[in-house]
C-alpha atoms as a PDB file:
ATOM      1  CA  MET A   1     -28.237 175.858 -90.069  1.00  0.00           C
ATOM      2  CA  GLN A   2     -26.282 174.505 -87.156  1.00  0.00           C
ATOM      3  CA  GLY A   3     -25.913 170.737 -87.163  1.00  0.00           C
ATOM      4  CA  MET A   4     -26.937 170.281 -90.818  1.00  0.00           C
ATOM      5  CA  GLN A   5     -24.482 168.767 -93.272  1.00  0.00           C
ATOM      6  CA  PRO A   6     -24.268 169.803 -96.930  1.00  0.00           C
ATOM      7  CA  THR A   7     -25.571 167.359 -99.522  1.00  0.00           C
ATOM      8  CA  PRO A   8     -22.691 165.608-101.308  1.00  0.00           C
ATOM      9  CA  ALA A   9     -21.954 167.119-104.711  1.00  0.00           C
ATOM     10  CA  PHE A  10     -23.397 165.401-107.800  1.00  0.00           C
ATOM     11  CA  THR A  11     -20.350 164.345-109.810  1.00  0.00           C
ATOM     12  CA  ASN A  12     -19.601 163.213-113.342  1.00  0.00           C
ATOM     13  CA  GLN A  13     -19.371 159.689-111.955  1.00  0.00           C
ATOM     14  CA  ASP A  14     -22.972 159.981-110.745  1.00  0.00           C
ATOM     15  CA  ILE A  15     -24.089 161.046-114.224  1.00  0.00           C
ATOM     16  CA  GLY A  16     -22.477 157.910-115.576  1.00  0.00           C
ATOM     17  CA  VAL A  17     -24.497 155.769-113.174  1.00  0.00           C
ATOM     18  CA  VAL A  18     -27.760 157.408-114.278  1.00  0.00           C
ATOM     19  CA  ILE A  19     -26.938 156.912-117.959  1.00  0.00           C
ATOM     20  CA  ARG A  20     -26.028 153.311-117.235  1.00  0.00           C
ATOM     21  CA  TRP A  21     -29.458 152.685-115.720  1.00  0.00           C
ATOM     22  CA  LEU A  22     -31.090 153.964-118.917  1.00  0.00           C
ATOM     23  CA  GLU A  23     -28.792 151.921-121.127  1.00  0.00           C
ATOM     24  CA  ASP A  24     -29.278 148.784-119.024  1.00  0.00           C
ATOM     25  CA  LEU A  25     -33.057 149.107-119.340  1.00  0.00           C
ATOM     26  CA  GLU A  26     -32.891 149.666-123.095  1.00  0.00           C
ATOM     27  CA  GLU A  27     -30.556 146.712-123.573  1.00  0.00           C
ATOM     28  CA  ALA A  28     -32.692 144.423-121.418  1.00  0.00           C
ATOM     29  CA  LEU A  29     -35.889 145.295-123.297  1.00  0.00           C
ATOM     30  CA  CYS A  30     -34.148 144.748-126.631  1.00  0.00           C
ATOM     31  CA  ALA A  31     -32.863 141.365-125.494  1.00  0.00           C
ATOM     32  CA  ILE A  32     -36.303 140.222-124.331  1.00  0.00           C
ATOM     33  CA  GLU A  33     -38.245 141.370-127.397  1.00  0.00           C
ATOM     34  CA  GLY A  34     -35.568 140.734-130.030  1.00  0.00           C
ATOM     35  CA  ALA A  35     -35.182 144.385-131.056  1.00  0.00           C
ATOM     36  CA  ALA A  36     -32.071 146.152-132.298  1.00  0.00           C
ATOM     37  CA  ALA A  37     -32.840 149.485-130.632  1.00  0.00           C
ATOM     38  CA  CYS A  38     -34.969 150.867-127.808  1.00  0.00           C
ATOM     39  CA  MET A  39     -35.915 154.452-126.981  1.00  0.00           C
ATOM     40  CA  LEU A  40     -37.505 155.333-123.638  1.00  0.00           C
ATOM     41  CA  THR A  41     -40.227 157.973-123.258  1.00  0.00           C
ATOM     42  CA  PRO A  42     -42.110 159.509-120.311  1.00  0.00           C
ATOM     43  CA  SER A  43     -45.343 157.548-120.963  1.00  0.00           C
ATOM     44  CA  GLY A  44     -46.901 154.950-123.206  1.00  0.00           C
ATOM     45  CA  LEU A  45     -48.813 157.610-125.125  1.00  0.00           C
ATOM     46  CA  SER A  46     -45.614 159.559-125.770  1.00  0.00           C
ATOM     47  CA  ALA A  47     -44.068 156.390-127.222  1.00  0.00           C
ATOM     48  CA  ILE A  48     -46.964 156.254-129.698  1.00  0.00           C
ATOM     49  CA  THR A  49     -46.932 159.958-130.548  1.00  0.00           C
ATOM     50  CA  THR A  50     -43.145 160.040-130.963  1.00  0.00           C
ATOM     51  CA  THR A  51     -43.262 157.072-133.324  1.00  0.00           C
ATOM     52  CA  LEU A  52     -46.062 158.481-135.483  1.00  0.00           C
ATOM     53  CA  LEU A  53     -44.623 162.001-135.606  1.00  0.00           C
ATOM     54  CA  THR A  54     -41.301 160.534-136.720  1.00  0.00           C
ATOM     55  CA  LEU A  55     -42.665 158.200-139.392  1.00  0.00           C
ATOM     56  CA  LEU A  56     -45.377 160.447-140.887  1.00  0.00           C
ATOM     57  CA  LYS A  57     -45.482 163.820-142.636  1.00  0.00           C
ATOM     58  CA  ALA A  58     -48.094 166.097-144.194  1.00  0.00           C
ATOM     59  CA  GLY A  59     -49.942 164.333-146.997  1.00  0.00           C
ATOM     60  CA  ASP A  60     -49.374 160.841-145.598  1.00  0.00           C
ATOM     61  CA  HIS A  61     -52.099 158.342-144.754  1.00  0.00           C
ATOM     62  CA  LEU A  62     -52.297 156.287-141.546  1.00  0.00           C
ATOM     63  CA  LEU A  63     -54.397 153.143-141.125  1.00  0.00           C
ATOM     64  CA  MET A  64     -55.298 152.868-137.435  1.00  0.00           C
ATOM     65  CA  THR A  65     -57.063 149.971-135.749  1.00  0.00           C
ATOM     66  CA  ASP A  66     -60.533 150.883-134.530  1.00  0.00           C
ATOM     67  CA  SER A  67     -59.692 149.153-131.235  1.00  0.00           C
ATOM     68  CA  CYS A  68     -56.893 151.572-130.368  1.00  0.00           C
ATOM     69  CA  TYR A  69     -56.363 153.254-127.002  1.00  0.00           C
ATOM     70  CA  GLN A  70     -58.681 156.267-126.894  1.00  0.00           C
ATOM     71  CA  PRO A  71     -55.884 158.867-126.395  1.00  0.00           C
ATOM     72  CA  THR A  72     -54.229 157.456-129.530  1.00  0.00           C
ATOM     73  CA  ARG A  73     -57.437 158.182-131.467  1.00  0.00           C
ATOM     74  CA  ASP A  74     -57.580 161.683-129.980  1.00  0.00           C
ATOM     75  CA  PHE A  75     -54.010 162.306-131.156  1.00  0.00           C
ATOM     76  CA  CYS A  76     -54.762 161.063-134.679  1.00  0.00           C
ATOM     77  CA  ASP A  77     -57.990 163.044-135.005  1.00  0.00           C
ATOM     78  CA  GLY A  78     -56.417 166.102-133.414  1.00  0.00           C
ATOM     79  CA  LEU A  79     -52.749 166.938-133.917  1.00  0.00           C
ATOM     80  CA  LEU A  80     -52.098 164.615-136.867  1.00  0.00           C
ATOM     81  CA  ALA A  81     -55.173 165.931-138.681  1.00  0.00           C
ATOM     82  CA  ARG A  82     -54.041 169.535-138.112  1.00  0.00           C
ATOM     83  CA  MET A  83     -50.661 168.579-139.580  1.00  0.00           C
ATOM     84  CA  GLY A  84     -52.290 167.319-142.774  1.00  0.00           C
ATOM     85  CA  ILE A  85     -51.949 163.615-141.964  1.00  0.00           C
ATOM     86  CA  HIS A  86     -55.134 161.657-142.689  1.00  0.00           C
ATOM     87  CA  THR A  87     -56.169 158.721-140.488  1.00  0.00           C
ATOM     88  CA  SER A  88     -58.580 155.965-141.540  1.00  0.00           C
ATOM     89  CA  TYR A  89     -59.816 153.383-139.045  1.00  0.00           C
ATOM     90  CA  TYR A  90     -60.109 149.687-139.836  1.00  0.00           C
ATOM     91  CA  ASP A  91     -61.789 146.682-138.255  1.00  0.00           C
ATOM     92  CA  PRO A  92     -59.184 144.962-136.031  1.00  0.00           C
ATOM     93  CA  LEU A  93     -60.453 141.568-137.245  1.00  0.00           C
ATOM     94  CA  LEU A  94     -59.707 142.435-140.884  1.00  0.00           C
ATOM     95  CA  GLY A  95     -56.384 140.597-141.288  1.00  0.00           C
ATOM     96  CA  ALA A  96     -55.177 140.274-144.878  1.00  0.00           C
ATOM     97  CA  GLY A  97     -58.279 142.131-146.067  1.00  0.00           C
ATOM     98  CA  ILE A  98     -56.611 145.359-145.004  1.00  0.00           C
ATOM     99  CA  ALA A  99     -54.907 145.351-148.411  1.00  0.00           C
ATOM    100  CA  ALA A 100     -58.100 146.820-149.881  1.00  0.00           C
ATOM    101  CA  LEU A 101     -57.787 149.863-147.590  1.00  0.00           C
ATOM    102  CA  LEU A 102     -54.158 150.677-148.348  1.00  0.00           C
ATOM    103  CA  GLN A 103     -53.683 153.839-150.405  1.00  0.00           C
ATOM    104  CA  PRO A 104     -50.655 154.949-152.444  1.00  0.00           C
ATOM    105  CA  ASN A 105     -49.743 157.386-149.644  1.00  0.00           C
ATOM    106  CA  THR A 106     -50.295 154.940-146.747  1.00  0.00           C
ATOM    107  CA  ARG A 107     -47.077 154.989-144.753  1.00  0.00           C
ATOM    108  CA  VAL A 108     -48.071 153.263-141.496  1.00  0.00           C
ATOM    109  CA  VAL A 109     -50.514 150.553-140.468  1.00  0.00           C
ATOM    110  CA  PHE A 110     -51.023 150.674-136.694  1.00  0.00           C
ATOM    111  CA  ALA A 111     -52.207 147.631-134.728  1.00  0.00           C
ATOM    112  CA  GLU A 112     -53.033 147.121-131.064  1.00  0.00           C
ATOM    113  CA  SER A 113     -53.244 143.503-129.989  1.00  0.00           C
ATOM    114  CA  ALA A 114     -55.120 142.718-127.898  1.00  0.00           C
ATOM    115  CA  GLY A 115     -57.396 145.676-128.566  1.00  0.00           C
ATOM    116  CA  SER A 116     -58.138 148.285-125.947  1.00  0.00           C
ATOM    117  CA  LEU A 117     -61.287 147.417-123.938  1.00  0.00           C
ATOM    118  CA  THR A 118     -62.530 144.834-126.479  1.00  0.00           C
ATOM    119  CA  PHE A 119     -59.451 142.558-126.643  1.00  0.00           C
ATOM    120  CA  GLU A 120     -59.428 141.618-130.335  1.00  0.00           C
ATOM    121  CA  MET A 121     -56.344 139.625-131.296  1.00  0.00           C
ATOM    122  CA  GLN A 122     -54.988 140.929-134.595  1.00  0.00           C
ATOM    123  CA  ASP A 123     -53.381 138.824-137.321  1.00  0.00           C
ATOM    124  CA  LEU A 124     -50.025 140.610-137.263  1.00  0.00           C
ATOM    125  CA  PRO A 125     -48.303 138.479-139.963  1.00  0.00           C
ATOM    126  CA  ALA A 126     -51.201 139.137-142.358  1.00  0.00           C
ATOM    127  CA  LEU A 127     -51.165 142.861-141.602  1.00  0.00           C
ATOM    128  CA  ALA A 128     -47.388 142.982-142.042  1.00  0.00           C
ATOM    129  CA  ALA A 129     -47.498 141.197-145.399  1.00  0.00           C
ATOM    130  CA  ALA A 130     -50.152 143.559-146.764  1.00  0.00           C
ATOM    131  CA  ALA A 131     -48.419 146.674-145.431  1.00  0.00           C
ATOM    132  CA  HIS A 132     -44.987 145.704-146.720  1.00  0.00           C
ATOM    133  CA  GLU A 133     -46.382 144.868-150.168  1.00  0.00           C
ATOM    134  CA  GLN A 134     -47.530 148.498-150.369  1.00  0.00           C
ATOM    135  CA  GLY A 135     -44.279 149.848-148.900  1.00  0.00           C
ATOM    136  CA  ALA A 136     -45.868 150.770-145.567  1.00  0.00           C
ATOM    137  CA  LEU A 137     -44.644 149.982-142.050  1.00  0.00           C
ATOM    138  CA  LEU A 138     -46.468 147.991-139.372  1.00  0.00           C
ATOM    139  CA  VAL A 139     -46.393 149.604-135.919  1.00  0.00           C
ATOM    140  CA  ALA A 140     -47.970 147.656-133.043  1.00  0.00           C
ATOM    141  CA  ASP A 141     -48.931 148.634-129.515  1.00  0.00           C
ATOM    142  CA  CYS A 142     -47.853 145.491-127.666  1.00  0.00           C
ATOM    143  CA  THR A 143     -48.532 146.651-124.109  1.00  0.00           C
ATOM    144  CA  TRP A 144     -51.090 143.929-123.348  1.00  0.00           C
ATOM    145  CA  ALA A 145     -48.809 140.989-124.169  1.00  0.00           C
ATOM    146  CA  THR A 146     -45.538 142.552-122.883  1.00  0.00           C
ATOM    147  CA  PRO A 147     -42.147 141.743-124.467  1.00  0.00           C
ATOM    148  CA  LEU A 148     -42.303 138.305-122.833  1.00  0.00           C
ATOM    149  CA  GLY A 149     -45.655 137.509-124.401  1.00  0.00           C
ATOM    150  CA  TRP A 150     -44.490 137.257-127.997  1.00  0.00           C
ATOM    151  CA  GLN A 151     -41.640 137.939-130.397  1.00  0.00           C
ATOM    152  CA  VAL A 152     -43.385 140.543-132.541  1.00  0.00           C
ATOM    153  CA  PHE A 153     -40.479 141.209-134.884  1.00  0.00           C
ATOM    154  CA  GLU A 154     -40.627 137.589-135.970  1.00  0.00           C
ATOM    155  CA  LEU A 155     -44.300 138.226-136.820  1.00  0.00           C
ATOM    156  CA  GLY A 156     -43.403 141.066-139.194  1.00  0.00           C
ATOM    157  CA  VAL A 157     -43.823 144.100-136.940  1.00  0.00           C
ATOM    158  CA  ASP A 158     -41.476 146.990-137.795  1.00  0.00           C
ATOM    159  CA  VAL A 159     -41.930 149.068-134.623  1.00  0.00           C
ATOM    160  CA  SER A 160     -43.238 147.916-131.252  1.00  0.00           C
ATOM    161  CA  VAL A 161     -44.480 150.401-128.655  1.00  0.00           C
ATOM    162  CA  HIS A 162     -45.227 149.710-125.005  1.00  0.00           C
ATOM    163  CA  ALA A 163     -46.814 151.524-122.102  1.00  0.00           C
ATOM    164  CA  ALA A 164     -44.121 150.247-119.756  1.00  0.00           C
ATOM    165  CA  THR A 165     -46.143 151.940-117.002  1.00  0.00           C
ATOM    166  CA  LYS A 166     -48.198 148.747-116.932  1.00  0.00           C
ATOM    167  CA  TYR A 167     -46.594 145.312-116.521  1.00  0.00           C
ATOM    168  CA  ILE A 168     -42.954 146.205-117.216  1.00  0.00           C
ATOM    169  CA  VAL A 169     -42.793 148.614-114.265  1.00  0.00           C
ATOM    170  CA  GLY A 170     -45.403 146.522-112.493  1.00  0.00           C
ATOM    171  CA  HIS A 171     -45.811 148.518-109.289  1.00  0.00           C
ATOM    172  CA  SER A 172     -48.103 151.415-110.284  1.00  0.00           C
ATOM    173  CA  ASP A 173     -45.482 153.991-109.394  1.00  0.00           C
ATOM    174  CA  VAL A 174     -43.817 155.100-112.656  1.00  0.00           C
ATOM    175  CA  LEU A 175     -45.039 156.481-115.989  1.00  0.00           C
ATOM    176  CA  LEU A 176     -42.891 155.091-118.803  1.00  0.00           C
ATOM    177  CA  GLY A 177     -43.000 154.241-122.501  1.00  0.00           C
ATOM    178  CA  ALA A 178     -40.741 152.278-124.824  1.00  0.00           C
ATOM    179  CA  ILE A 179     -40.234 152.275-128.591  1.00  0.00           C
ATOM    180  CA  MET A 180     -38.466 149.247-130.071  1.00  0.00           C
ATOM    181  CA  CYS A 181     -37.446 148.578-133.643  1.00  0.00           C
ATOM    182  CA  GLY A 182     -35.039 146.794-135.947  1.00  0.00           C
ATOM    183  CA  GLN A 183     -31.764 148.243-137.199  1.00  0.00           C
ATOM    184  CA  ALA A 184     -33.308 149.686-140.372  1.00  0.00           C
ATOM    185  CA  LEU A 185     -35.395 152.237-138.441  1.00  0.00           C
ATOM    186  CA  ALA A 186     -33.123 152.793-135.440  1.00  0.00           C
ATOM    187  CA  ALA A 187     -31.368 155.963-136.614  1.00  0.00           C
ATOM    188  CA  ARG A 188     -34.606 157.546-137.852  1.00  0.00           C
ATOM    189  CA  LEU A 189     -36.500 156.879-134.631  1.00  0.00           C
ATOM    190  CA  ARG A 190     -33.577 157.940-132.442  1.00  0.00           C
ATOM    191  CA  GLN A 191     -33.466 161.252-134.301  1.00  0.00           C
ATOM    192  CA  GLY A 192     -37.197 161.831-133.828  1.00  0.00           C
ATOM    193  CA  HIS A 193     -36.940 160.815-130.171  1.00  0.00           C
ATOM    194  CA  ARG A 194     -34.130 163.316-129.634  1.00  0.00           C
ATOM    195  CA  GLU A 195     -35.724 166.169-131.603  1.00  0.00           C
ATOM    196  CA  LEU A 196     -39.020 165.821-129.728  1.00  0.00           C
ATOM    197  CA  GLY A 197     -37.157 166.095-126.422  1.00  0.00           C
ATOM    198  CA  MET A 198     -38.147 162.703-125.077  1.00  0.00           C
ATOM    199  CA  SER A 199     -36.277 161.633-121.960  1.00  0.00           C
ATOM    200  CA  ILE A 200     -36.834 159.876-118.646  1.00  0.00           C
ATOM    201  CA  SER A 201     -35.197 160.203-115.261  1.00  0.00           C
ATOM    202  CA  GLY A 202     -32.563 157.873-113.901  1.00  0.00           C
ATOM    203  CA  ASP A 203     -34.860 157.042-110.986  1.00  0.00           C
ATOM    204  CA  ASP A 204     -37.616 155.940-113.363  1.00  0.00           C
ATOM    205  CA  ALA A 205     -35.191 153.729-115.271  1.00  0.00           C
ATOM    206  CA  TYR A 206     -33.975 152.208-112.012  1.00  0.00           C
ATOM    207  CA  LEU A 207     -37.538 151.426-110.910  1.00  0.00           C
ATOM    208  CA  ALA A 208     -38.387 149.943-114.304  1.00  0.00           C
ATOM    209  CA  LEU A 209     -35.344 147.670-114.053  1.00  0.00           C
ATOM    210  CA  ARG A 210     -36.626 146.593-110.647  1.00  0.00           C
ATOM    211  CA  GLY A 211     -39.951 145.694-112.221  1.00  0.00           C
ATOM    212  CA  LEU A 212     -38.391 143.941-115.197  1.00  0.00           C
ATOM    213  CA  ARG A 213     -36.551 141.538-112.901  1.00  0.00           C
ATOM    214  CA  THR A 214     -39.846 140.162-111.591  1.00  0.00           C
ATOM    215  CA  LEU A 215     -41.880 140.419-114.807  1.00  0.00           C
ATOM    216  CA  ALA A 216     -41.885 136.687-115.561  1.00  0.00           C
ATOM    217  CA  ALA A 217     -42.837 135.745-112.007  1.00  0.00           C
ATOM    218  CA  ARG A 218     -45.596 138.360-111.841  1.00  0.00           C
ATOM    219  CA  LEU A 219     -47.087 137.462-115.225  1.00  0.00           C
ATOM    220  CA  THR A 220     -47.177 133.801-114.244  1.00  0.00           C
ATOM    221  CA  LEU A 221     -49.256 134.637-111.175  1.00  0.00           C
ATOM    222  CA  HIS A 222     -51.438 137.166-113.021  1.00  0.00           C
ATOM    223  CA  GLN A 223     -52.162 134.462-115.605  1.00  0.00           C
ATOM    224  CA  GLN A 224     -53.003 131.822-113.015  1.00  0.00           C
ATOM    225  CA  ASN A 225     -55.323 134.147-111.116  1.00  0.00           C
ATOM    226  CA  ALA A 226     -56.948 135.445-114.295  1.00  0.00           C
ATOM    227  CA  ALA A 227     -57.645 131.908-115.509  1.00  0.00           C
ATOM    228  CA  HIS A 228     -59.556 131.178-112.281  1.00  0.00           C
ATOM    229  CA  VAL A 229     -61.571 134.372-112.538  1.00  0.00           C
ATOM    230  CA  ALA A 230     -62.250 134.095-116.288  1.00  0.00           C
ATOM    231  CA  GLN A 231     -63.520 130.537-115.953  1.00  0.00           C
ATOM    232  CA  TRP A 232     -65.674 131.486-112.966  1.00  0.00           C
ATOM    233  CA  LEU A 233     -67.143 134.506-114.760  1.00  0.00           C
ATOM    234  CA  SER A 234     -67.891 132.536-117.927  1.00  0.00           C
ATOM    235  CA  ALA A 235     -70.111 130.209-115.872  1.00  0.00           C
ATOM    236  CA  ARG A 236     -72.167 133.052-114.366  1.00  0.00           C
ATOM    237  CA  PRO A 237     -75.684 133.480-115.796  1.00  0.00           C
ATOM    238  CA  GLU A 238     -75.224 137.263-115.663  1.00  0.00           C
ATOM    239  CA  VAL A 239     -72.261 137.057-118.086  1.00  0.00           C
ATOM    240  CA  ALA A 240     -72.740 136.641-121.835  1.00  0.00           C
ATOM    241  CA  GLN A 241     -69.065 136.697-122.815  1.00  0.00           C
ATOM    242  CA  VAL A 242     -65.607 136.940-121.275  1.00  0.00           C
ATOM    243  CA  LEU A 243     -63.160 138.834-123.489  1.00  0.00           C
ATOM    244  CA  TYR A 244     -59.864 137.154-122.611  1.00  0.00           C
ATOM    245  CA  PRO A 245     -57.915 135.562-125.508  1.00  0.00           C
ATOM    246  CA  PRO A 246     -55.996 133.078-123.284  1.00  0.00           C
ATOM    247  CA  LEU A 247     -59.323 131.532-122.217  1.00  0.00           C
ATOM    248  CA  PRO A 248     -60.102 128.405-124.296  1.00  0.00           C
ATOM    249  CA  GLY A 249     -63.120 129.096-126.461  1.00  0.00           C
ATOM    250  CA  ALA A 250     -62.805 132.871-126.196  1.00  0.00           C
ATOM    251  CA  ASP A 251     -62.641 135.080-129.275  1.00  0.00           C
ATOM    252  CA  GLY A 252     -59.039 135.369-130.449  1.00  0.00           C
ATOM    253  CA  HIS A 253     -57.871 132.245-128.612  1.00  0.00           C
ATOM    254  CA  ALA A 254     -56.579 130.540-131.781  1.00  0.00           C
ATOM    255  CA  LEU A 255     -54.480 133.576-132.750  1.00  0.00           C
ATOM    256  CA  TRP A 256     -53.210 133.901-129.192  1.00  0.00           C
ATOM    257  CA  LEU A 257     -52.088 130.256-129.244  1.00  0.00           C
ATOM    258  CA  ARG A 258     -50.452 130.700-132.643  1.00  0.00           C
ATOM    259  CA  ASP A 259     -48.554 133.913-131.965  1.00  0.00           C
ATOM    260  CA  CYS A 260     -48.043 134.243-128.210  1.00  0.00           C
ATOM    261  CA  ASN A 261     -46.006 132.513-125.543  1.00  0.00           C
ATOM    262  CA  PRO A 262     -48.578 130.542-123.492  1.00  0.00           C
ATOM    263  CA  ARG A 263     -46.359 130.786-120.420  1.00  0.00           C
ATOM    264  CA  TYR A 264     -46.949 134.525-120.131  1.00  0.00           C
ATOM    265  CA  ALA A 265     -50.511 135.750-120.424  1.00  0.00           C
ATOM    266  CA  ASN A 266     -51.737 138.475-118.091  1.00  0.00           C
ATOM    267  CA  GLY A 267     -54.634 139.602-115.957  1.00  0.00           C
ATOM    268  CA  LEU A 268     -56.547 142.074-118.137  1.00  0.00           C
ATOM    269  CA  MET A 269     -59.948 141.049-119.500  1.00  0.00           C
ATOM    270  CA  GLY A 270     -63.378 142.317-120.444  1.00  0.00           C
ATOM    271  CA  VAL A 271     -66.863 141.140-119.530  1.00  0.00           C
ATOM    272  CA  VAL A 272     -69.996 141.508-121.652  1.00  0.00           C
ATOM    273  CA  PHE A 273     -73.020 141.142-119.405  1.00  0.00           C
ATOM    274  CA  ALA A 274     -76.078 139.168-120.421  1.00  0.00           C
ATOM    275  CA  PRO A 275     -79.148 140.890-121.889  1.00  0.00           C
ATOM    276  CA  GLY A 276     -81.325 142.136-119.083  1.00  0.00           C
ATOM    277  CA  ILE A 277     -78.394 143.230-116.907  1.00  0.00           C
ATOM    278  CA  SER A 278     -78.464 147.023-116.709  1.00  0.00           C
ATOM    279  CA  ALA A 279     -75.642 149.520-116.381  1.00  0.00           C
ATOM    280  CA  ALA A 280     -77.078 150.499-112.993  1.00  0.00           C
ATOM    281  CA  GLN A 281     -76.769 146.901-111.810  1.00  0.00           C
ATOM    282  CA  VAL A 282     -73.145 146.766-112.954  1.00  0.00           C
ATOM    283  CA  ASP A 283     -72.488 150.010-111.098  1.00  0.00           C
ATOM    284  CA  ARG A 284     -73.867 148.342-107.951  1.00  0.00           C
ATOM    285  CA  LEU A 285     -71.614 145.343-108.526  1.00  0.00           C
ATOM    286  CA  ILE A 286     -68.555 147.563-108.890  1.00  0.00           C
ATOM    287  CA  ASP A 287     -69.418 149.626-105.821  1.00  0.00           C
ATOM    288  CA  ALA A 288     -69.896 146.431-103.793  1.00  0.00           C
ATOM    289  CA  THR A 289     -66.431 144.999-104.488  1.00  0.00           C
ATOM    290  CA  ARG A 290     -63.969 145.213-101.615  1.00  0.00           C
ATOM    291  CA  LEU A 291     -60.714 143.971-103.149  1.00  0.00           C
ATOM    292  CA  PHE A 292     -61.185 145.452-106.632  1.00  0.00           C
ATOM    293  CA  GLY A 293     -60.255 149.099-106.866  1.00  0.00           C
ATOM    294  CA  ILE A 294     -61.662 151.463-109.479  1.00  0.00           C
ATOM    295  CA  GLY A 295     -58.828 152.567-111.737  1.00  0.00           C
ATOM    296  CA  TYR A 296     -57.761 152.899-115.358  1.00  0.00           C
ATOM    297  CA  SER A 297     -54.019 152.232-115.291  1.00  0.00           C
ATOM    298  CA  TRP A 298     -53.604 148.497-114.768  1.00  0.00           C
ATOM    299  CA  GLY A 299     -50.517 146.316-114.452  1.00  0.00           C
ATOM    300  CA  GLY A 300     -49.687 146.561-110.761  1.00  0.00           C
ATOM    301  CA  TYR A 301     -50.366 144.279-107.814  1.00  0.00           C
ATOM    302  CA  GLU A 302     -53.935 145.474-107.417  1.00  0.00           C
ATOM    303  CA  SER A 303     -57.082 144.042-108.929  1.00  0.00           C
ATOM    304  CA  LEU A 304     -59.194 146.713-110.647  1.00  0.00           C
ATOM    305  CA  ILE A 305     -62.625 147.048-112.243  1.00  0.00           C
ATOM    306  CA  ILE A 306     -64.299 149.787-114.305  1.00  0.00           C
ATOM    307  CA  PRO A 307     -67.424 150.028-116.464  1.00  0.00           C
ATOM    308  CA  VAL A 308     -66.651 150.565-120.162  1.00  0.00           C
ATOM    309  CA  LYS A 309     -68.684 151.685-123.186  1.00  0.00           C
ATOM    310  CA  PRO A 310     -66.540 150.923-126.245  1.00  0.00           C
ATOM    311  CA  GLY A 311     -69.454 151.571-128.597  1.00  0.00           C
ATOM    312  CA  LYS A 312     -69.006 155.287-127.910  1.00  0.00           C
ATOM    313  CA  LEU A 313     -65.279 155.109-128.664  1.00  0.00           C
ATOM    314  CA  ARG A 314     -65.381 153.288-132.001  1.00  0.00           C
ATOM    315  CA  SER A 315     -66.184 154.276-135.573  1.00  0.00           C
ATOM    316  CA  VAL A 316     -66.168 151.393-138.076  1.00  0.00           C
ATOM    317  CA  THR A 317     -66.969 148.788-135.400  1.00  0.00           C
ATOM    318  CA  ALA A 318     -69.249 150.916-133.202  1.00  0.00           C
ATOM    319  CA  GLU A 319     -72.356 148.902-134.062  1.00  0.00           C
ATOM    320  CA  ARG A 320     -70.691 145.715-132.796  1.00  0.00           C
ATOM    321  CA  TRP A 321     -70.599 147.110-129.256  1.00  0.00           C
ATOM    322  CA  GLN A 322     -73.612 149.409-129.162  1.00  0.00           C
ATOM    323  CA  GLY A 323     -76.034 148.686-126.351  1.00  0.00           C
ATOM    324  CA  LYS A 324     -73.776 146.178-124.619  1.00  0.00           C
ATOM    325  CA  VAL A 325     -73.245 146.555-120.887  1.00  0.00           C
ATOM    326  CA  MET A 326     -69.586 145.859-120.169  1.00  0.00           C
ATOM    327  CA  ALA A 327     -66.803 146.078-117.623  1.00  0.00           C
ATOM    328  CA  ARG A 328     -63.046 145.711-117.709  1.00  0.00           C
ATOM    329  CA  LEU A 329     -61.208 143.809-114.977  1.00  0.00           C
ATOM    330  CA  HIS A 330     -57.556 143.638-114.114  1.00  0.00           C
ATOM    331  CA  ILE A 331     -56.833 140.533-112.052  1.00  0.00           C
ATOM    332  CA  GLY A 332     -54.002 141.243-109.669  1.00  0.00           C
ATOM    333  CA  LEU A 333     -51.788 139.174-107.409  1.00  0.00           C
ATOM    334  CA  GLU A 334     -54.194 138.661-104.518  1.00  0.00           C
ATOM    335  CA  ASP A 335     -55.280 135.162-103.512  1.00  0.00           C
ATOM    336  CA  PRO A 336     -57.730 133.996-106.221  1.00  0.00           C
ATOM    337  CA  ALA A 337     -60.053 132.501-103.614  1.00  0.00           C
ATOM    338  CA  ASP A 338     -60.378 135.944-102.043  1.00  0.00           C
ATOM    339  CA  LEU A 339     -61.044 137.540-105.440  1.00  0.00           C
ATOM    340  CA  LEU A 340     -63.762 135.018-106.268  1.00  0.00           C
ATOM    341  CA  ALA A 341     -65.361 135.480-102.850  1.00  0.00           C
ATOM    342  CA  ASP A 342     -65.364 139.230-103.405  1.00  0.00           C
ATOM    343  CA  LEU A 343     -66.984 138.865-106.824  1.00  0.00           C
ATOM    344  CA  GLN A 344     -69.511 136.407-105.395  1.00  0.00           C
ATOM    345  CA  GLN A 345     -70.747 138.879-102.797  1.00  0.00           C
ATOM    346  CA  ALA A 346     -70.640 141.718-105.357  1.00  0.00           C
ATOM    347  CA  PHE A 347     -72.890 139.787-107.749  1.00  0.00           C
ATOM    348  CA  ALA A 348     -75.274 139.196-104.850  1.00  0.00           C
ATOM    349  CA  ALA A 349     -75.276 142.928-104.145  1.00  0.00           C
ATOM    350  CA  MET A 350     -75.948 143.602-107.818  1.00  0.00           C
ATOM    351  CA  HIS A 351     -79.224 141.738-107.435  1.00  0.00           C
ATOM    352  CA  GLY A 352     -80.030 143.560-104.206  1.00  0.00           C
ATOM    353  CA  GLY A 353     -78.785 140.786-101.911  1.00  0.00           C
END
């Protein structure tokens, strides 16, 4: 059309720039977490599925934490089962006792710390020691803590997976996963990554690098804001328990202090409401919030809140959570005074105020 100019041609030099973005992101993640190799995938779930499909074969046994991300469980009970790979679930608080569950064909022990929705801190060194004694590998979903939160390879983890969608990207605008490992597994995982067709765009790598540059600053503020909210919630009569390992006195706090970098906690936590508080009341509380959005994929600027029912998503630990009325909160980067004021009026609305 008249007046329009053709788009400049995409050249070999441009391809080099795109590849460089991917390589820069991989190298940066390796440097932060202490890994020898990093493979990028289109989502956090694809990082998990790629890892398990690469490390397991028909006839193998997988020990999976009962506190895993629900889509991980669906994958294990679905595709892996159809492939002849058996999954057993274990109590995330088991620690060294997992040795009793290891079978001769156990090839992978999978941990997620802190646990999805229920935030159990797992004893990774104890799990690693038991797994390695049997000749199995320890794979850990480390999304919650981020690569800044701990040095998992020093704790005995063989493969670390991340939903980089969350805090690494940090702006709720990219889906991304990362697989990190030591040199011993690098070639094997790279082959599986390639054969399964896992790749990401140059734009996504560029945006993840943008997020990585501010990760430390954002986590510091998430942690500060979350500490205010967690302490405030723990003093509410409507709240029986705050599930947030960085909170002194919370379940898992001792393990968090032992294994994690106290400079970099985050903003994700759970709330168990007191007996007598109904699910309908919690729904009213959630609907009454003005600054908290309703959303599943956390890690961005925004504060979020959702009701959760982990008892329906567990097997060996289902009884622990049955009948409990709960919510999950992500504390964002807003002014904490505004967040507390919002929660204050939402609690009033919960009671009909």
